[in-house]
Amino acid sequence: MKPAAASRFWAERTPRERRILGVGGGLLLLVLCWLLLIDPALQGRAQWKQALPALRADYAQMQALAQQAAAAPAPAAAAPPPDRAAVERSLAEHGMKAQSLNVGEDGVRIALVDVSFSALTDWMQQAQRDAQLVVAEAGITARDRLDRVDANLSLRRLP
């Protein structure tokens, strides 16, 4: 609607119609302000008010974990490189004897024949825990008997 047409439309109205249109326009403006500005803000506030206790609990938990981490002892010094005698002794403790064993600065290569699979996995866990050796390559072949395997392992030190 052009400004001249709007002025003519307004001039053609009676004072009562002008009052009704003004009050109706004001109410329409109030409803739009409520729907577009006030109601979304109130709903967002209610949602944040509901989420605030969980966020505070998360914050307290993170603070406690940060204090625990700060109070934790320094990491232990790196384990010394494995030596052949220590690896053989560790294998013997688990009832295994290596067919071939190569120990170097970077890690250990082992060939085992007809060993218990459960003892092998226990030994690998102990090697990881005590000597910081992890499996880099593994070739494991099942034997005819239950829980018996042949294994070729390459273990390397954790950095």
N, C-alpha and C. Protein backbone atom coordinates (compact mmCIF):
# COMPACT_ATOMS: atom_id res chain seq x y z
N MET A 1 0.84 -1.16 0.00
CA MET A 1 0.00 0.00 0.00
C MET A 1 0.90 1.24 0.00
N LYS A 2 0.62 2.19 -0.86
CA LYS A 2 1.41 3.42 -0.96
C LYS A 2 1.05 4.36 0.18
N PRO A 3 1.99 5.26 0.56
CA PRO A 3 1.71 6.18 1.67
C PRO A 3 0.48 7.05 1.42
N ALA A 4 0.28 7.48 0.23
CA ALA A 4 -0.88 8.34 -0.06
C ALA A 4 -2.16 7.53 0.10
N ALA A 5 -2.14 6.28 -0.36
CA ALA A 5 -3.32 5.42 -0.24
C ALA A 5 -3.59 5.10 1.22
N ALA A 6 -2.54 4.90 2.02
CA ALA A 6 -2.74 4.62 3.44
C ALA A 6 -3.31 5.83 4.15
N SER A 7 -2.83 7.04 3.81
CA SER A 7 -3.36 8.26 4.43
C SER A 7 -4.82 8.45 4.05
N ARG A 8 -5.15 8.21 2.79
CA ARG A 8 -6.54 8.34 2.35
C ARG A 8 -7.42 7.32 3.06
N PHE A 9 -6.92 6.05 3.19
CA PHE A 9 -7.68 5.01 3.89
C PHE A 9 -7.95 5.44 5.33
N TRP A 10 -6.92 5.98 6.01
CA TRP A 10 -7.06 6.39 7.41
C TRP A 10 -8.01 7.58 7.52
N ALA A 11 -7.97 8.50 6.59
CA ALA A 11 -8.85 9.68 6.64
C ALA A 11 -10.30 9.31 6.41
N GLU A 12 -10.54 8.27 5.68
CA GLU A 12 -11.91 7.83 5.39
C GLU A 12 -12.55 7.13 6.59
N ARG A 13 -11.80 6.75 7.59
CA ARG A 13 -12.34 6.03 8.76
C ARG A 13 -12.94 7.02 9.76
N THR A 14 -13.93 6.54 10.44
CA THR A 14 -14.54 7.34 11.50
C THR A 14 -13.67 7.25 12.74
N PRO A 15 -13.80 8.17 13.70
CA PRO A 15 -12.98 8.10 14.92
C PRO A 15 -13.13 6.76 15.64
N ARG A 16 -14.32 6.19 15.64
CA ARG A 16 -14.52 4.90 16.32
C ARG A 16 -13.74 3.79 15.60
N GLU A 17 -13.77 3.78 14.27
CA GLU A 17 -13.03 2.78 13.50
C GLU A 17 -11.53 2.95 13.70
N ARG A 18 -11.08 4.23 13.75
CA ARG A 18 -9.66 4.48 13.98
C ARG A 18 -9.21 3.93 15.34
N ARG A 19 -10.05 4.14 16.36
CA ARG A 19 -9.75 3.63 17.69
C ARG A 19 -9.70 2.10 17.68
N ILE A 20 -10.65 1.46 17.04
CA ILE A 20 -10.69 -0.01 16.97
C ILE A 20 -9.46 -0.53 16.21
N LEU A 21 -9.11 0.09 15.08
CA LEU A 21 -7.93 -0.33 14.33
C LEU A 21 -6.65 -0.10 15.12
N GLY A 22 -6.58 1.01 15.86
CA GLY A 22 -5.39 1.29 16.68
C GLY A 22 -5.22 0.28 17.80
N VAL A 23 -6.34 0.00 18.51
CA VAL A 23 -6.28 -0.98 19.60
C VAL A 23 -5.97 -2.37 19.04
N GLY A 24 -6.58 -2.75 17.91
CA GLY A 24 -6.31 -4.05 17.28
C GLY A 24 -4.86 -4.16 16.83
N GLY A 25 -4.31 -3.09 16.24
CA GLY A 25 -2.92 -3.08 15.82
C GLY A 25 -1.98 -3.19 17.00
N GLY A 26 -2.31 -2.47 18.10
CA GLY A 26 -1.50 -2.55 19.31
C GLY A 26 -1.50 -3.95 19.90
N LEU A 27 -2.69 -4.57 19.94
CA LEU A 27 -2.78 -5.95 20.44
C LEU A 27 -2.00 -6.92 19.55
N LEU A 28 -2.10 -6.70 18.23
CA LEU A 28 -1.36 -7.55 17.30
C LEU A 28 0.15 -7.38 17.53
N LEU A 29 0.60 -6.14 17.75
CA LEU A 29 2.01 -5.89 18.03
C LEU A 29 2.44 -6.55 19.33
N LEU A 30 1.60 -6.50 20.37
CA LEU A 30 1.91 -7.15 21.65
C LEU A 30 2.00 -8.67 21.48
N VAL A 31 1.08 -9.26 20.73
CA VAL A 31 1.10 -10.72 20.52
C VAL A 31 2.36 -11.12 19.76
N LEU A 32 2.72 -10.35 18.72
CA LEU A 32 3.93 -10.67 17.97
C LEU A 32 5.17 -10.53 18.84
N CYS A 33 5.25 -9.48 19.66
CA CYS A 33 6.39 -9.33 20.58
C CYS A 33 6.46 -10.51 21.55
N TRP A 34 5.31 -10.93 22.05
CA TRP A 34 5.30 -12.07 22.98
C TRP A 34 5.80 -13.33 22.29
N LEU A 35 5.25 -13.61 21.10
CA LEU A 35 5.59 -14.84 20.40
C LEU A 35 7.03 -14.86 19.88
N LEU A 36 7.56 -13.72 19.47
CA LEU A 36 8.89 -13.70 18.86
C LEU A 36 10.01 -13.38 19.84
N LEU A 37 9.72 -12.69 20.94
CA LEU A 37 10.78 -12.26 21.84
C LEU A 37 10.67 -12.84 23.25
N ILE A 38 9.54 -12.67 23.87
CA ILE A 38 9.43 -12.99 25.30
C ILE A 38 9.29 -14.49 25.55
N ASP A 39 8.38 -15.15 24.83
CA ASP A 39 8.13 -16.58 25.08
C ASP A 39 9.37 -17.44 24.81
N PRO A 40 10.11 -17.26 23.70
CA PRO A 40 11.33 -18.07 23.52
C PRO A 40 12.35 -17.84 24.64
N ALA A 41 12.48 -16.60 25.10
CA ALA A 41 13.42 -16.33 26.18
C ALA A 41 13.00 -17.04 27.46
N LEU A 42 11.71 -17.03 27.76
CA LEU A 42 11.23 -17.72 28.97
C LEU A 42 11.42 -19.23 28.87
N GLN A 43 11.17 -19.78 27.69
CA GLN A 43 11.36 -21.23 27.51
C GLN A 43 12.84 -21.60 27.63
N GLY A 44 13.72 -20.81 27.04
CA GLY A 44 15.15 -21.08 27.15
C GLY A 44 15.62 -20.99 28.59
N ARG A 45 15.10 -20.02 29.31
CA ARG A 45 15.47 -19.87 30.72
C ARG A 45 15.01 -21.09 31.52
N ALA A 46 13.82 -21.58 31.24
CA ALA A 46 13.31 -22.76 31.96
C ALA A 46 14.18 -23.99 31.65
N GLN A 47 14.58 -24.13 30.39
CA GLN A 47 15.42 -25.28 30.03
C GLN A 47 16.77 -25.20 30.73
N TRP A 48 17.39 -24.03 30.75
CA TRP A 48 18.69 -23.88 31.42
C TRP A 48 18.55 -24.08 32.92
N LYS A 49 17.43 -23.61 33.48
CA LYS A 49 17.22 -23.79 34.91
C LYS A 49 17.11 -25.27 35.25
N GLN A 50 16.50 -26.04 34.35
CA GLN A 50 16.35 -27.48 34.57
C GLN A 50 17.70 -28.20 34.37
N ALA A 51 18.52 -27.75 33.44
CA ALA A 51 19.79 -28.41 33.14
C ALA A 51 20.90 -27.99 34.10
N LEU A 52 20.74 -26.89 34.80
CA LEU A 52 21.80 -26.35 35.64
C LEU A 52 22.30 -27.32 36.72
N PRO A 53 21.45 -28.04 37.45
CA PRO A 53 21.98 -28.97 38.46
C PRO A 53 22.89 -30.05 37.87
N ALA A 54 22.52 -30.59 36.72
CA ALA A 54 23.36 -31.62 36.08
C ALA A 54 24.69 -31.01 35.64
N LEU A 55 24.65 -29.79 35.12
CA LEU A 55 25.89 -29.14 34.69
C LEU A 55 26.79 -28.85 35.89
N ARG A 56 26.20 -28.45 37.00
CA ARG A 56 27.00 -28.20 38.21
C ARG A 56 27.62 -29.49 38.72
N ALA A 57 26.88 -30.60 38.66
CA ALA A 57 27.42 -31.89 39.09
C ALA A 57 28.57 -32.31 38.19
N ASP A 58 28.42 -32.12 36.87
CA ASP A 58 29.51 -32.43 35.95
C ASP A 58 30.74 -31.58 36.24
N TYR A 59 30.53 -30.30 36.53
CA TYR A 59 31.63 -29.40 36.85
C TYR A 59 32.35 -29.86 38.11
N ALA A 60 31.59 -30.24 39.14
CA ALA A 60 32.20 -30.71 40.38
C ALA A 60 33.00 -31.99 40.14
N GLN A 61 32.47 -32.88 39.32
CA GLN A 61 33.18 -34.12 39.02
C GLN A 61 34.48 -33.83 38.26
N MET A 62 34.43 -32.91 37.31
CA MET A 62 35.64 -32.55 36.57
C MET A 62 36.67 -31.91 37.49
N GLN A 63 36.23 -31.09 38.43
CA GLN A 63 37.15 -30.48 39.37
C GLN A 63 37.83 -31.55 40.23
N ALA A 64 37.03 -32.52 40.70
CA ALA A 64 37.58 -33.60 41.53
C ALA A 64 38.60 -34.42 40.73
N LEU A 65 38.27 -34.72 39.47
CA LEU A 65 39.21 -35.49 38.64
C LEU A 65 40.48 -34.69 38.36
N ALA A 66 40.34 -33.38 38.17
CA ALA A 66 41.52 -32.55 37.94
C ALA A 66 42.41 -32.52 39.18
N GLN A 67 41.80 -32.47 40.37
CA GLN A 67 42.59 -32.49 41.60
C GLN A 67 43.28 -33.83 41.78
N GLN A 68 42.58 -34.91 41.43
CA GLN A 68 43.18 -36.25 41.50
C GLN A 68 44.37 -36.34 40.55
N ALA A 69 44.20 -35.83 39.35
CA ALA A 69 45.28 -35.89 38.37
C ALA A 69 46.47 -35.06 38.83
N ALA A 70 46.20 -33.92 39.44
CA ALA A 70 47.30 -33.08 39.92
C ALA A 70 48.02 -33.73 41.10
N ALA A 71 47.28 -34.48 41.91
CA ALA A 71 47.87 -35.11 43.08
C ALA A 71 48.50 -36.47 42.77
N ALA A 72 48.28 -36.98 41.57
CA ALA A 72 48.80 -38.31 41.22
C ALA A 72 50.33 -38.26 41.18
N PRO A 73 50.95 -39.35 41.57
CA PRO A 73 52.41 -39.38 41.54
C PRO A 73 52.91 -39.32 40.10
N ALA A 74 54.11 -38.85 39.95
CA ALA A 74 54.72 -38.77 38.62
C ALA A 74 54.85 -40.18 38.05
N PRO A 75 54.77 -40.32 36.74
CA PRO A 75 54.90 -41.66 36.16
C PRO A 75 56.26 -42.27 36.48
N ALA A 76 56.23 -43.56 36.65
CA ALA A 76 57.46 -44.27 36.97
C ALA A 76 58.44 -44.17 35.81
N ALA A 77 59.69 -44.31 36.14
CA ALA A 77 60.72 -44.26 35.10
C ALA A 77 60.51 -45.44 34.16
N ALA A 78 60.92 -45.25 32.94
CA ALA A 78 60.76 -46.30 31.94
C ALA A 78 61.51 -47.55 32.37
N ALA A 79 60.91 -48.68 32.08
CA ALA A 79 61.56 -49.95 32.42
C ALA A 79 62.82 -50.10 31.57
N PRO A 80 63.83 -50.74 32.13
CA PRO A 80 65.06 -50.94 31.35
C PRO A 80 64.78 -51.86 30.18
N PRO A 81 65.59 -51.78 29.14
CA PRO A 81 65.38 -52.67 28.01
C PRO A 81 65.46 -54.13 28.48
N PRO A 82 64.63 -54.98 27.89
CA PRO A 82 64.64 -56.38 28.33
C PRO A 82 65.96 -57.06 27.94
N ASP A 83 66.38 -57.96 28.79
CA ASP A 83 67.56 -58.75 28.44
C ASP A 83 67.11 -60.20 28.25
N ARG A 84 67.93 -60.94 27.57
CA ARG A 84 67.59 -62.32 27.20
C ARG A 84 67.27 -63.18 28.43
N ALA A 85 68.07 -63.07 29.48
CA ALA A 85 67.87 -63.90 30.68
C ALA A 85 66.53 -63.56 31.33
N ALA A 86 66.17 -62.29 31.38
CA ALA A 86 64.90 -61.89 32.01
C ALA A 86 63.72 -62.42 31.21
N VAL A 87 63.80 -62.37 29.88
CA VAL A 87 62.71 -62.89 29.05
C VAL A 87 62.59 -64.39 29.21
N GLU A 88 63.72 -65.11 29.20
CA GLU A 88 63.67 -66.56 29.38
C GLU A 88 63.12 -66.93 30.75
N ARG A 89 63.52 -66.20 31.79
CA ARG A 89 63.01 -66.45 33.14
C ARG A 89 61.50 -66.20 33.20
N SER A 90 61.05 -65.13 32.56
CA SER A 90 59.63 -64.80 32.55
C SER A 90 58.83 -65.87 31.83
N LEU A 91 59.35 -66.35 30.71
CA LEU A 91 58.68 -67.44 29.98
C LEU A 91 58.62 -68.70 30.83
N ALA A 92 59.73 -69.03 31.51
CA ALA A 92 59.78 -70.24 32.33
C ALA A 92 58.77 -70.16 33.47
N GLU A 93 58.56 -68.97 34.02
CA GLU A 93 57.56 -68.81 35.09
C GLU A 93 56.16 -69.17 34.60
N HIS A 94 55.94 -69.04 33.31
CA HIS A 94 54.63 -69.37 32.73
C HIS A 94 54.63 -70.74 32.06
N GLY A 95 55.69 -71.51 32.27
CA GLY A 95 55.74 -72.87 31.75
C GLY A 95 56.03 -72.94 30.26
N MET A 96 56.77 -71.99 29.73
CA MET A 96 57.08 -71.98 28.30
C MET A 96 58.59 -71.86 28.09
N LYS A 97 59.04 -72.39 26.95
CA LYS A 97 60.45 -72.27 26.58
C LYS A 97 60.47 -71.86 25.11
N ALA A 98 61.22 -70.82 24.81
CA ALA A 98 61.28 -70.30 23.44
C ALA A 98 62.12 -71.21 22.56
N GLN A 99 61.64 -71.48 21.36
CA GLN A 99 62.42 -72.23 20.38
C GLN A 99 63.50 -71.31 19.83
N SER A 100 63.15 -70.05 19.58
CA SER A 100 64.15 -69.06 19.21
C SER A 100 63.78 -67.74 19.88
N LEU A 101 64.81 -66.99 20.27
CA LEU A 101 64.60 -65.75 21.01
C LEU A 101 65.66 -64.74 20.60
N ASN A 102 65.23 -63.60 20.09
CA ASN A 102 66.13 -62.51 19.72
C ASN A 102 65.72 -61.28 20.52
N VAL A 103 66.63 -60.75 21.32
CA VAL A 103 66.35 -59.57 22.13
C VAL A 103 67.24 -58.44 21.63
N GLY A 104 66.60 -57.30 21.33
CA GLY A 104 67.35 -56.14 20.87
C GLY A 104 66.88 -54.89 21.59
N GLU A 105 67.48 -53.76 21.25
CA GLU A 105 67.11 -52.49 21.86
C GLU A 105 65.66 -52.13 21.57
N ASP A 106 65.21 -52.45 20.35
CA ASP A 106 63.87 -52.06 19.95
C ASP A 106 62.80 -53.04 20.38
N GLY A 107 63.14 -54.26 20.71
CA GLY A 107 62.12 -55.21 21.13
C GLY A 107 62.61 -56.64 21.16
N VAL A 108 61.64 -57.57 21.10
CA VAL A 108 61.91 -58.98 21.27
C VAL A 108 61.18 -59.75 20.17
N ARG A 109 61.85 -60.76 19.60
CA ARG A 109 61.21 -61.69 18.65
C ARG A 109 61.31 -63.08 19.26
N ILE A 110 60.16 -63.76 19.30
CA ILE A 110 60.09 -65.07 19.96
C ILE A 110 59.34 -66.05 19.06
N ALA A 111 59.84 -67.28 19.02
CA ALA A 111 59.13 -68.39 18.37
C ALA A 111 58.88 -69.42 19.45
N LEU A 112 57.62 -69.80 19.62
CA LEU A 112 57.21 -70.78 20.63
C LEU A 112 56.49 -71.93 19.94
N VAL A 113 56.74 -73.14 20.39
CA VAL A 113 56.12 -74.32 19.80
C VAL A 113 55.39 -75.09 20.89
N ASP A 114 54.14 -75.45 20.60
CA ASP A 114 53.30 -76.26 21.48
C ASP A 114 53.25 -75.71 22.91
N VAL A 115 52.74 -74.48 23.02
CA VAL A 115 52.59 -73.85 24.34
C VAL A 115 51.11 -73.63 24.62
N SER A 116 50.79 -73.44 25.89
CA SER A 116 49.42 -73.17 26.29
C SER A 116 49.04 -71.76 25.87
N PHE A 117 47.91 -71.63 25.20
CA PHE A 117 47.47 -70.32 24.74
C PHE A 117 47.15 -69.40 25.91
N SER A 118 46.51 -69.95 26.95
CA SER A 118 46.18 -69.12 28.12
C SER A 118 47.46 -68.65 28.82
N ALA A 119 48.48 -69.53 28.90
CA ALA A 119 49.74 -69.11 29.51
C ALA A 119 50.41 -68.04 28.65
N LEU A 120 50.30 -68.17 27.33
CA LEU A 120 50.88 -67.18 26.42
C LEU A 120 50.23 -65.81 26.60
N THR A 121 48.91 -65.78 26.68
CA THR A 121 48.24 -64.49 26.86
C THR A 121 48.56 -63.89 28.22
N ASP A 122 48.66 -64.74 29.25
CA ASP A 122 49.06 -64.24 30.58
C ASP A 122 50.47 -63.65 30.53
N TRP A 123 51.37 -64.33 29.84
CA TRP A 123 52.74 -63.83 29.74
C TRP A 123 52.79 -62.51 28.98
N MET A 124 51.99 -62.39 27.90
CA MET A 124 51.98 -61.14 27.13
C MET A 124 51.45 -59.98 27.98
N GLN A 125 50.45 -60.24 28.82
CA GLN A 125 49.96 -59.20 29.72
C GLN A 125 51.03 -58.78 30.71
N GLN A 126 51.74 -59.77 31.27
CA GLN A 126 52.81 -59.45 32.22
C GLN A 126 53.94 -58.69 31.52
N ALA A 127 54.29 -59.06 30.30
CA ALA A 127 55.34 -58.37 29.56
C ALA A 127 54.95 -56.91 29.29
N GLN A 128 53.68 -56.70 29.02
CA GLN A 128 53.21 -55.33 28.80
C GLN A 128 53.27 -54.53 30.09
N ARG A 129 52.84 -55.13 31.17
CA ARG A 129 52.79 -54.45 32.46
C ARG A 129 54.19 -54.20 33.02
N ASP A 130 55.05 -55.21 33.00
CA ASP A 130 56.34 -55.11 33.67
C ASP A 130 57.44 -54.52 32.78
N ALA A 131 57.54 -54.98 31.55
CA ALA A 131 58.64 -54.56 30.67
C ALA A 131 58.19 -53.54 29.63
N GLN A 132 56.93 -53.15 29.65
CA GLN A 132 56.36 -52.19 28.70
C GLN A 132 56.56 -52.66 27.26
N LEU A 133 56.33 -53.95 27.04
CA LEU A 133 56.41 -54.53 25.70
C LEU A 133 54.99 -54.78 25.20
N VAL A 134 54.73 -54.37 23.97
CA VAL A 134 53.43 -54.63 23.36
C VAL A 134 53.64 -55.43 22.09
N VAL A 135 52.63 -56.16 21.68
CA VAL A 135 52.72 -57.02 20.50
C VAL A 135 52.67 -56.15 19.25
N ALA A 136 53.71 -56.24 18.45
CA ALA A 136 53.76 -55.53 17.17
C ALA A 136 53.24 -56.43 16.06
N GLU A 137 53.64 -57.70 16.08
CA GLU A 137 53.18 -58.69 15.11
C GLU A 137 52.99 -60.01 15.84
N ALA A 138 51.98 -60.75 15.41
CA ALA A 138 51.75 -62.06 16.03
C ALA A 138 51.24 -63.03 14.97
N GLY A 139 51.81 -64.20 14.99
CA GLY A 139 51.33 -65.29 14.16
C GLY A 139 51.09 -66.47 15.08
N ILE A 140 49.83 -66.84 15.22
CA ILE A 140 49.48 -67.91 16.16
C ILE A 140 48.71 -68.98 15.39
N THR A 141 49.16 -70.21 15.55
CA THR A 141 48.54 -71.34 14.87
C THR A 141 48.06 -72.33 15.91
N ALA A 142 46.81 -72.74 15.81
CA ALA A 142 46.25 -73.69 16.76
C ALA A 142 46.78 -75.09 16.47
N ARG A 143 46.96 -75.86 17.53
CA ARG A 143 47.39 -77.26 17.41
C ARG A 143 46.15 -78.14 17.55
N ASP A 144 46.34 -79.44 17.42
CA ASP A 144 45.21 -80.36 17.49
C ASP A 144 44.63 -80.44 18.90
N ARG A 145 45.48 -80.28 19.90
CA ARG A 145 45.02 -80.38 21.28
C ARG A 145 44.42 -79.05 21.73
N LEU A 146 43.52 -79.12 22.67
CA LEU A 146 42.85 -77.93 23.20
C LEU A 146 43.84 -77.04 23.96
N ASP A 147 43.78 -75.73 23.74
CA ASP A 147 44.59 -74.72 24.41
C ASP A 147 46.08 -74.83 24.09
N ARG A 148 46.43 -75.41 22.96
CA ARG A 148 47.84 -75.53 22.57
C ARG A 148 48.03 -74.81 21.24
N VAL A 149 49.10 -74.01 21.15
CA VAL A 149 49.36 -73.23 19.95
C VAL A 149 50.84 -73.17 19.65
N ASP A 150 51.17 -72.80 18.40
CA ASP A 150 52.50 -72.39 17.99
C ASP A 150 52.41 -70.88 17.78
N ALA A 151 53.43 -70.14 18.22
CA ALA A 151 53.35 -68.68 18.11
C ALA A 151 54.67 -68.08 17.67
N ASN A 152 54.59 -67.11 16.80
CA ASN A 152 55.72 -66.27 16.41
C ASN A 152 55.33 -64.84 16.77
N LEU A 153 56.05 -64.26 17.71
CA LEU A 153 55.68 -62.93 18.22
C LEU A 153 56.81 -61.95 18.00
N SER A 154 56.42 -60.72 17.72
CA SER A 154 57.35 -59.61 17.68
C SER A 154 56.80 -58.58 18.66
N LEU A 155 57.57 -58.30 19.70
CA LEU A 155 57.15 -57.35 20.73
C LEU A 155 58.04 -56.12 20.63
N ARG A 156 57.45 -54.95 20.82
CA ARG A 156 58.24 -53.72 20.81
C ARG A 156 57.96 -52.94 22.09
N ARG A 157 58.90 -52.09 22.44
CA ARG A 157 58.77 -51.29 23.66
C ARG A 157 57.83 -50.13 23.40
N LEU A 158 57.06 -49.79 24.43
CA LEU A 158 56.21 -48.60 24.36
C LEU A 158 57.10 -47.37 24.33
N PRO A 159 56.70 -46.35 23.58
CA PRO A 159 57.52 -45.13 23.54
C PRO A 159 57.49 -44.38 24.85
